[in-house]
Structure formats: structure tokens, C-alpha cells
Amino acid sequence: MLDVSRTTGVGPNLRQLRVAKGLTMDRLASLSELTRGYISLVERGLKTPSIAALLRMAAALDVNVAYFFDPQPTSAPRYTIHRRQQEDALPMKDESYGLFALAAARPHKSMAPFLLTPPFKSTPNSARARQKIQRSFHSGEEMLFVVSGRVAIELDGEEFELEKGDCLYFSGETPHQVHSLGRQKAEVLVVIGVVQPDRA
């Protein structure tokens, strides 16, 4: 079952910001190149958004992606520490996919780090596969480091298998998708170079 309580933090923050900026759901969908239905599910806490979707919505709303996790951070700390025991603080997780924002309390970062638990690959004819949005892409650069388990990464039509300790670095604008392999879901450290909006 989907644990809705775990996804409710990002959804309300997204909706509050969208409304404050005077954007309809359709307009945000157009700006972020996502569907209205997808955004609606995220806002209601029924969908865990992908990292790429979060980045696109953040760019469309002219905020750092950390805003969705902590819209009113205290003054910027000199450092942040993420402890494993505190992972329930800022998770988004459903039955197939887990995403933890690391260092969310630090605003205006030049890097956006996440701990990702990729889903297993859906069969081509499954309902989940048919509902899936196209492969992720976003501005900036991305690094994946496999913390545990094994993953398959589809990168612009080419597939790589990576295991614990392997690392891949690429342009985020390259369409990509990552899946867990084997019996246990993998854990992947994802670090994205954030392209700051031009405020000139």
C-alpha cells in the first residue's frame, strides 16, 4: 500500500507555491513539460515525483529544489549532517520507489544530493509501464554512485549495468532511467549540479 503520510510534505509545498505564483496546474504542466494529472497526483501526495520532475517544477517555479522539502529554512547553516537514523525526516516513498533529499535544509545549493531506491523494471505491457512518463531529463549534470545492490541505467538508448562502488557521470539533458536489478532494491547516491536561475 502507498503510505500517503510519507509523501504529504512535498505536495502541499508544491501546491502552495504554485498558487502563490498565480499558476494554474495546466500552466505549471506546460512550463515543466509534465502532465496536469501527474502534478495533481504529486500535490495530493499520491505520487512520488522523480528527481527530474522535481527539478523541472523547481525551474518552472523559479526556486531551488530544496524548497519542496523545506519552504521556510532557517538562516543558511555552514553545514548540514544527514544521519541514517533520521531518514524518515524528509522521505518520499511508495511501493516501488524511494527518494530521500539530503542537505535539504541548506538553501541556494550548487549541488542537489539525493539517496534513491530505484524501482524494478516494469514489463512493457504492464499498467505501470504504460502510465510511466518518458525517460527523465533535466538541466545540469548528474552523478550516480551505487551504494548497495545492482542497477541498470538506460542512457539515451544505451544500457549499463552498475554494481556497488560503480559511478556514472553524465549530462542531465541526456534521457535516462535507472532500475534495480536482482532480488533486493539498490541504493544509489544521486548528485545533480543545479543550474541556478538567472536573476539579472
C-alpha atoms as a PDB file:
ATOM      1  CA  MET A   1       0.000   0.000   0.000  1.00  0.00           C
ATOM      2  CA  LEU A   2       1.054   3.565  -0.652  1.00  0.00           C
ATOM      3  CA  ASP A   3       1.923   5.288   2.611  1.00  0.00           C
ATOM      4  CA  VAL A   4       0.355   8.655   1.840  1.00  0.00           C
ATOM      5  CA  SER A   5       1.624  10.186   5.068  1.00  0.00           C
ATOM      6  CA  ARG A   6       5.175   9.896   3.762  1.00  0.00           C
ATOM      7  CA  THR A   7       4.513  11.944   0.627  1.00  0.00           C
ATOM      8  CA  THR A   8       2.345  14.732   2.011  1.00  0.00           C
ATOM      9  CA  GLY A   9       5.193  17.186   2.723  1.00  0.00           C
ATOM     10  CA  VAL A  10       6.252  17.872  -0.857  1.00  0.00           C
ATOM     11  CA  GLY A  11       2.725  18.008  -2.307  1.00  0.00           C
ATOM     12  CA  PRO A  12       1.343  20.835  -0.142  1.00  0.00           C
ATOM     13  CA  ASN A  13       4.567  22.834  -0.527  1.00  0.00           C
ATOM     14  CA  LEU A  14       4.312  22.495  -4.297  1.00  0.00           C
ATOM     15  CA  ARG A  15       0.646  23.491  -4.350  1.00  0.00           C
ATOM     16  CA  GLN A  16       1.171  26.445  -2.007  1.00  0.00           C
ATOM     17  CA  LEU A  17       3.985  27.827  -4.146  1.00  0.00           C
ATOM     18  CA  ARG A  18       2.106  27.253  -7.413  1.00  0.00           C
ATOM     19  CA  VAL A  19      -0.942  29.128  -6.090  1.00  0.00           C
ATOM     20  CA  ALA A  20       1.217  31.921  -4.621  1.00  0.00           C
ATOM     21  CA  LYS A  21       2.813  32.406  -8.043  1.00  0.00           C
ATOM     22  CA  GLY A  22      -0.618  32.577  -9.685  1.00  0.00           C
ATOM     23  CA  LEU A  23      -0.082  29.494 -11.850  1.00  0.00           C
ATOM     24  CA  THR A  24      -2.790  27.057 -12.776  1.00  0.00           C
ATOM     25  CA  MET A  25      -1.968  23.374 -12.778  1.00  0.00           C
ATOM     26  CA  ASP A  26      -2.195  23.431 -16.579  1.00  0.00           C
ATOM     27  CA  ARG A  27       0.290  26.309 -16.784  1.00  0.00           C
ATOM     28  CA  LEU A  28       2.771  24.594 -14.474  1.00  0.00           C
ATOM     29  CA  ALA A  29       2.392  21.424 -16.529  1.00  0.00           C
ATOM     30  CA  SER A  30       3.208  23.362 -19.678  1.00  0.00           C
ATOM     31  CA  LEU A  31       6.233  25.111 -18.151  1.00  0.00           C
ATOM     32  CA  SER A  32       7.654  21.931 -16.644  1.00  0.00           C
ATOM     33  CA  GLU A  33       6.783  19.636 -19.564  1.00  0.00           C
ATOM     34  CA  LEU A  34       4.845  17.329 -17.252  1.00  0.00           C
ATOM     35  CA  THR A  35       1.179  16.372 -17.387  1.00  0.00           C
ATOM     36  CA  ARG A  36      -1.559  18.021 -15.345  1.00  0.00           C
ATOM     37  CA  GLY A  37      -2.547  14.615 -13.977  1.00  0.00           C
ATOM     38  CA  TYR A  38       0.999  13.910 -12.810  1.00  0.00           C
ATOM     39  CA  ILE A  39       1.229  17.252 -10.986  1.00  0.00           C
ATOM     40  CA  SER A  40      -2.188  16.703  -9.417  1.00  0.00           C
ATOM     41  CA  LEU A  41      -1.091  13.327  -8.017  1.00  0.00           C
ATOM     42  CA  VAL A  42       2.089  14.867  -6.593  1.00  0.00           C
ATOM     43  CA  GLU A  43       0.194  17.756  -4.988  1.00  0.00           C
ATOM     44  CA  ARG A  44      -2.241  15.323  -3.339  1.00  0.00           C
ATOM     45  CA  GLY A  45       0.582  13.160  -2.018  1.00  0.00           C
ATOM     46  CA  LEU A  46      -0.412  10.183  -4.158  1.00  0.00           C
ATOM     47  CA  LYS A  47       2.688  10.153  -6.370  1.00  0.00           C
ATOM     48  CA  THR A  48       6.370  10.227  -5.549  1.00  0.00           C
ATOM     49  CA  PRO A  49       7.884  12.563  -8.158  1.00  0.00           C
ATOM     50  CA  SER A  50      11.109  11.642  -9.892  1.00  0.00           C
ATOM     51  CA  ILE A  51      14.194  13.774  -9.338  1.00  0.00           C
ATOM     52  CA  ALA A  52      13.868  15.076 -12.904  1.00  0.00           C
ATOM     53  CA  ALA A  53      10.236  16.080 -12.293  1.00  0.00           C
ATOM     54  CA  LEU A  54      11.217  17.932  -9.095  1.00  0.00           C
ATOM     55  CA  LEU A  55      13.967  19.772 -10.955  1.00  0.00           C
ATOM     56  CA  ARG A  56      11.642  20.749 -13.803  1.00  0.00           C
ATOM     57  CA  MET A  57       8.956  22.023 -11.421  1.00  0.00           C
ATOM     58  CA  ALA A  58      11.564  23.927  -9.400  1.00  0.00           C
ATOM     59  CA  ALA A  59      12.864  25.591 -12.576  1.00  0.00           C
ATOM     60  CA  ALA A  60       9.329  26.457 -13.702  1.00  0.00           C
ATOM     61  CA  LEU A  61       8.558  27.988 -10.292  1.00  0.00           C
ATOM     62  CA  ASP A  62      11.980  29.720 -10.057  1.00  0.00           C
ATOM     63  CA  VAL A  63      13.026  28.097  -6.769  1.00  0.00           C
ATOM     64  CA  ASN A  64      15.735  25.746  -5.595  1.00  0.00           C
ATOM     65  CA  VAL A  65      14.537  22.137  -5.493  1.00  0.00           C
ATOM     66  CA  ALA A  66      15.151  22.142  -1.711  1.00  0.00           C
ATOM     67  CA  TYR A  67      12.085  24.412  -1.330  1.00  0.00           C
ATOM     68  CA  PHE A  68       9.746  21.459  -1.854  1.00  0.00           C
ATOM     69  CA  PHE A  69      11.199  19.775   1.235  1.00  0.00           C
ATOM     70  CA  ASP A  70      11.689  22.817   3.458  1.00  0.00           C
ATOM     71  CA  PRO A  71       9.932  26.006   2.262  1.00  0.00           C
ATOM     72  CA  GLN A  72      10.969  28.065   5.291  1.00  0.00           C
ATOM     73  CA  PRO A  73      14.540  27.102   6.156  1.00  0.00           C
ATOM     74  CA  THR A  74      16.336  28.898   8.930  1.00  0.00           C
ATOM     75  CA  SER A  75      19.327  31.029   8.047  1.00  0.00           C
ATOM     76  CA  ALA A  76      21.715  29.067   5.850  1.00  0.00           C
ATOM     77  CA  PRO A  77      23.797  26.750   8.034  1.00  0.00           C
ATOM     78  CA  ARG A  78      27.533  26.407   7.441  1.00  0.00           C
ATOM     79  CA  TYR A  79      26.973  22.674   7.018  1.00  0.00           C
ATOM     80  CA  THR A  80      24.297  20.022   7.280  1.00  0.00           C
ATOM     81  CA  ILE A  81      24.602  16.461   8.553  1.00  0.00           C
ATOM     82  CA  HIS A  82      22.340  13.694   7.330  1.00  0.00           C
ATOM     83  CA  ARG A  83      22.157  10.763   9.724  1.00  0.00           C
ATOM     84  CA  ARG A  84      20.834   7.398   8.615  1.00  0.00           C
ATOM     85  CA  GLN A  85      18.558   7.174  11.662  1.00  0.00           C
ATOM     86  CA  GLN A  86      16.793  10.381  10.563  1.00  0.00           C
ATOM     87  CA  GLU A  87      15.828   9.215   7.080  1.00  0.00           C
ATOM     88  CA  ASP A  88      12.122   9.427   7.912  1.00  0.00           C
ATOM     89  CA  ALA A  89      12.503  13.209   8.193  1.00  0.00           C
ATOM     90  CA  LEU A  90      12.264  14.063   4.500  1.00  0.00           C
ATOM     91  CA  PRO A  91      11.422  10.902   2.549  1.00  0.00           C
ATOM     92  CA  MET A  92       9.123  10.290  -0.351  1.00  0.00           C
ATOM     93  CA  LYS A  93       8.406   6.645  -0.785  1.00  0.00           C
ATOM     94  CA  ASP A  94       5.774   4.451  -2.359  1.00  0.00           C
ATOM     95  CA  GLU A  95       5.602   0.728  -3.021  1.00  0.00           C
ATOM     96  CA  SER A  96       8.122   0.853  -5.858  1.00  0.00           C
ATOM     97  CA  TYR A  97      10.313   3.918  -5.446  1.00  0.00           C
ATOM     98  CA  GLY A  98      12.141   5.736  -2.677  1.00  0.00           C
ATOM     99  CA  LEU A  99      13.697   9.201  -2.715  1.00  0.00           C
ATOM    100  CA  PHE A 100      15.418  10.970   0.178  1.00  0.00           C
ATOM    101  CA  ALA A 101      16.572  14.579  -0.081  1.00  0.00           C
ATOM    102  CA  LEU A 102      19.977  15.063   1.516  1.00  0.00           C
ATOM    103  CA  ALA A 103      21.004  18.504   2.813  1.00  0.00           C
ATOM    104  CA  ALA A 104      17.511  19.887   2.119  1.00  0.00           C
ATOM    105  CA  ALA A 105      17.905  22.446   4.907  1.00  0.00           C
ATOM    106  CA  ARG A 106      20.690  24.267   3.069  1.00  0.00           C
ATOM    107  CA  PRO A 107      19.220  26.704   0.524  1.00  0.00           C
ATOM    108  CA  HIS A 108      20.883  28.000  -2.643  1.00  0.00           C
ATOM    109  CA  LYS A 109      22.997  24.887  -3.117  1.00  0.00           C
ATOM    110  CA  SER A 110      25.050  24.351  -6.250  1.00  0.00           C
ATOM    111  CA  MET A 111      24.501  20.606  -5.865  1.00  0.00           C
ATOM    112  CA  ALA A 112      21.283  18.677  -5.142  1.00  0.00           C
ATOM    113  CA  PRO A 113      22.071  15.345  -3.453  1.00  0.00           C
ATOM    114  CA  PHE A 114      19.534  12.529  -3.098  1.00  0.00           C
ATOM    115  CA  LEU A 115      19.510   8.925  -1.942  1.00  0.00           C
ATOM    116  CA  LEU A 116      17.485   6.952  -4.478  1.00  0.00           C
ATOM    117  CA  THR A 117      15.956   3.482  -4.192  1.00  0.00           C
ATOM    118  CA  PRO A 118      15.179   2.686  -7.859  1.00  0.00           C
ATOM    119  CA  PRO A 119      12.166   0.527  -8.717  1.00  0.00           C
ATOM    120  CA  PHE A 120      12.451  -2.778 -10.523  1.00  0.00           C
ATOM    121  CA  LYS A 121      11.862  -2.532 -14.258  1.00  0.00           C
ATOM    122  CA  SER A 122       8.244  -2.918 -15.343  1.00  0.00           C
ATOM    123  CA  THR A 123       7.320  -5.298 -18.111  1.00  0.00           C
ATOM    124  CA  PRO A 124       6.463  -3.458 -21.364  1.00  0.00           C
ATOM    125  CA  ASN A 125       2.789  -4.436 -21.189  1.00  0.00           C
ATOM    126  CA  SER A 126       2.178  -3.637 -17.531  1.00  0.00           C
ATOM    127  CA  ALA A 127      -0.157  -0.854 -16.483  1.00  0.00           C
ATOM    128  CA  ARG A 128       2.705   0.820 -14.589  1.00  0.00           C
ATOM    129  CA  ALA A 129       4.848   0.894 -17.719  1.00  0.00           C
ATOM    130  CA  ARG A 130       2.036   2.364 -19.804  1.00  0.00           C
ATOM    131  CA  GLN A 131       1.448   5.114 -17.240  1.00  0.00           C
ATOM    132  CA  LYS A 132       5.132   5.987 -16.926  1.00  0.00           C
ATOM    133  CA  ILE A 133       6.211   9.390 -18.196  1.00  0.00           C
ATOM    134  CA  GLN A 134       9.038   9.408 -20.707  1.00  0.00           C
ATOM    135  CA  ARG A 135      12.607   8.924 -19.558  1.00  0.00           C
ATOM    136  CA  SER A 136      13.963  11.573 -17.232  1.00  0.00           C
ATOM    137  CA  PHE A 137      15.948  14.550 -18.429  1.00  0.00           C
ATOM    138  CA  HIS A 138      16.795  17.865 -16.820  1.00  0.00           C
ATOM    139  CA  SER A 139      19.293  20.703 -16.987  1.00  0.00           C
ATOM    140  CA  GLY A 140      22.653  20.427 -15.264  1.00  0.00           C
ATOM    141  CA  GLU A 141      24.921  17.425 -14.782  1.00  0.00           C
ATOM    142  CA  GLU A 142      24.301  14.250 -12.810  1.00  0.00           C
ATOM    143  CA  MET A 143      26.411  11.724 -10.957  1.00  0.00           C
ATOM    144  CA  LEU A 144      25.172   8.311  -9.829  1.00  0.00           C
ATOM    145  CA  PHE A 145      27.122   6.246  -7.281  1.00  0.00           C
ATOM    146  CA  VAL A 146      25.841   2.780  -6.373  1.00  0.00           C
ATOM    147  CA  VAL A 147      25.874   2.479  -2.579  1.00  0.00           C
ATOM    148  CA  SER A 148      24.446  -1.049  -2.480  1.00  0.00           C
ATOM    149  CA  GLY A 149      22.959  -3.588  -4.857  1.00  0.00           C
ATOM    150  CA  ARG A 150      22.985  -3.522  -8.645  1.00  0.00           C
ATOM    151  CA  VAL A 151      21.263  -1.224 -11.140  1.00  0.00           C
ATOM    152  CA  ALA A 152      20.643  -0.931 -14.854  1.00  0.00           C
ATOM    153  CA  ILE A 153      20.837   2.560 -16.299  1.00  0.00           C
ATOM    154  CA  GLU A 154      19.361   3.375 -19.689  1.00  0.00           C
ATOM    155  CA  LEU A 155      21.229   6.369 -21.075  1.00  0.00           C
ATOM    156  CA  ASP A 156      19.941   7.667 -24.391  1.00  0.00           C
ATOM    157  CA  GLY A 157      19.206   4.181 -25.717  1.00  0.00           C
ATOM    158  CA  GLU A 158      22.326   2.527 -24.291  1.00  0.00           C
ATOM    159  CA  GLU A 159      22.110   0.355 -21.176  1.00  0.00           C
ATOM    160  CA  PHE A 160      24.780  -0.035 -18.490  1.00  0.00           C
ATOM    161  CA  GLU A 161      24.809  -2.370 -15.503  1.00  0.00           C
ATOM    162  CA  LEU A 162      26.465  -0.953 -12.391  1.00  0.00           C
ATOM    163  CA  GLU A 163      27.157  -2.605  -9.044  1.00  0.00           C
ATOM    164  CA  LYS A 164      28.196  -1.434  -5.581  1.00  0.00           C
ATOM    165  CA  GLY A 165      31.020   1.100  -5.853  1.00  0.00           C
ATOM    166  CA  ASP A 166      30.446   1.926  -9.543  1.00  0.00           C
ATOM    167  CA  CYS A 167      29.888   5.525 -10.594  1.00  0.00           C
ATOM    168  CA  LEU A 168      28.407   7.171 -13.689  1.00  0.00           C
ATOM    169  CA  TYR A 169      28.638  10.892 -14.550  1.00  0.00           C
ATOM    170  CA  PHE A 170      26.662  12.399 -17.438  1.00  0.00           C
ATOM    171  CA  SER A 171      24.705  15.370 -18.735  1.00  0.00           C
ATOM    172  CA  GLY A 172      21.253  15.528 -17.175  1.00  0.00           C
ATOM    173  CA  GLU A 173      19.852  16.562 -20.551  1.00  0.00           C
ATOM    174  CA  THR A 174      20.522  13.019 -21.805  1.00  0.00           C
ATOM    175  CA  PRO A 175      17.309  10.951 -21.420  1.00  0.00           C
ATOM    176  CA  HIS A 176      17.898   8.416 -18.674  1.00  0.00           C
ATOM    177  CA  GLN A 177      16.196   5.889 -16.440  1.00  0.00           C
ATOM    178  CA  VAL A 178      17.510   3.696 -13.606  1.00  0.00           C
ATOM    179  CA  HIS A 179      16.179   0.360 -12.299  1.00  0.00           C
ATOM    180  CA  SER A 180      17.192  -2.026  -9.547  1.00  0.00           C
ATOM    181  CA  LEU A 181      18.455  -5.464 -10.543  1.00  0.00           C
ATOM    182  CA  GLY A 182      18.424  -8.706  -8.569  1.00  0.00           C
ATOM    183  CA  ARG A 183      16.252  -9.540  -5.584  1.00  0.00           C
ATOM    184  CA  GLN A 184      16.992  -6.533  -3.383  1.00  0.00           C
ATOM    185  CA  LYS A 185      16.420  -2.933  -4.382  1.00  0.00           C
ATOM    186  CA  ALA A 186      19.598  -0.943  -4.781  1.00  0.00           C
ATOM    187  CA  GLU A 187      20.535   2.314  -3.096  1.00  0.00           C
ATOM    188  CA  VAL A 188      22.060   4.996  -5.294  1.00  0.00           C
ATOM    189  CA  LEU A 189      23.570   8.329  -4.330  1.00  0.00           C
ATOM    190  CA  VAL A 190      22.463  10.877  -6.927  1.00  0.00           C
ATOM    191  CA  VAL A 191      24.134  14.286  -7.059  1.00  0.00           C
ATOM    192  CA  ILE A 192      22.861  16.860  -9.543  1.00  0.00           C
ATOM    193  CA  GLY A 193      24.649  20.065 -10.456  1.00  0.00           C
ATOM    194  CA  VAL A 194      21.960  22.702 -10.046  1.00  0.00           C
ATOM    195  CA  VAL A 195      21.662  25.368 -12.726  1.00  0.00           C
ATOM    196  CA  GLN A 196      20.715  28.486 -10.785  1.00  0.00           C
ATOM    197  CA  PRO A 197      18.029  30.693 -12.374  1.00  0.00           C
ATOM    198  CA  ASP A 198      19.286  33.902 -13.955  1.00  0.00           C
ATOM    199  CA  ARG A 199      18.002  36.696 -11.735  1.00  0.00           C
ATOM    200  CA  ALA A 200      19.617  39.524 -13.681  1.00  0.00           C
END
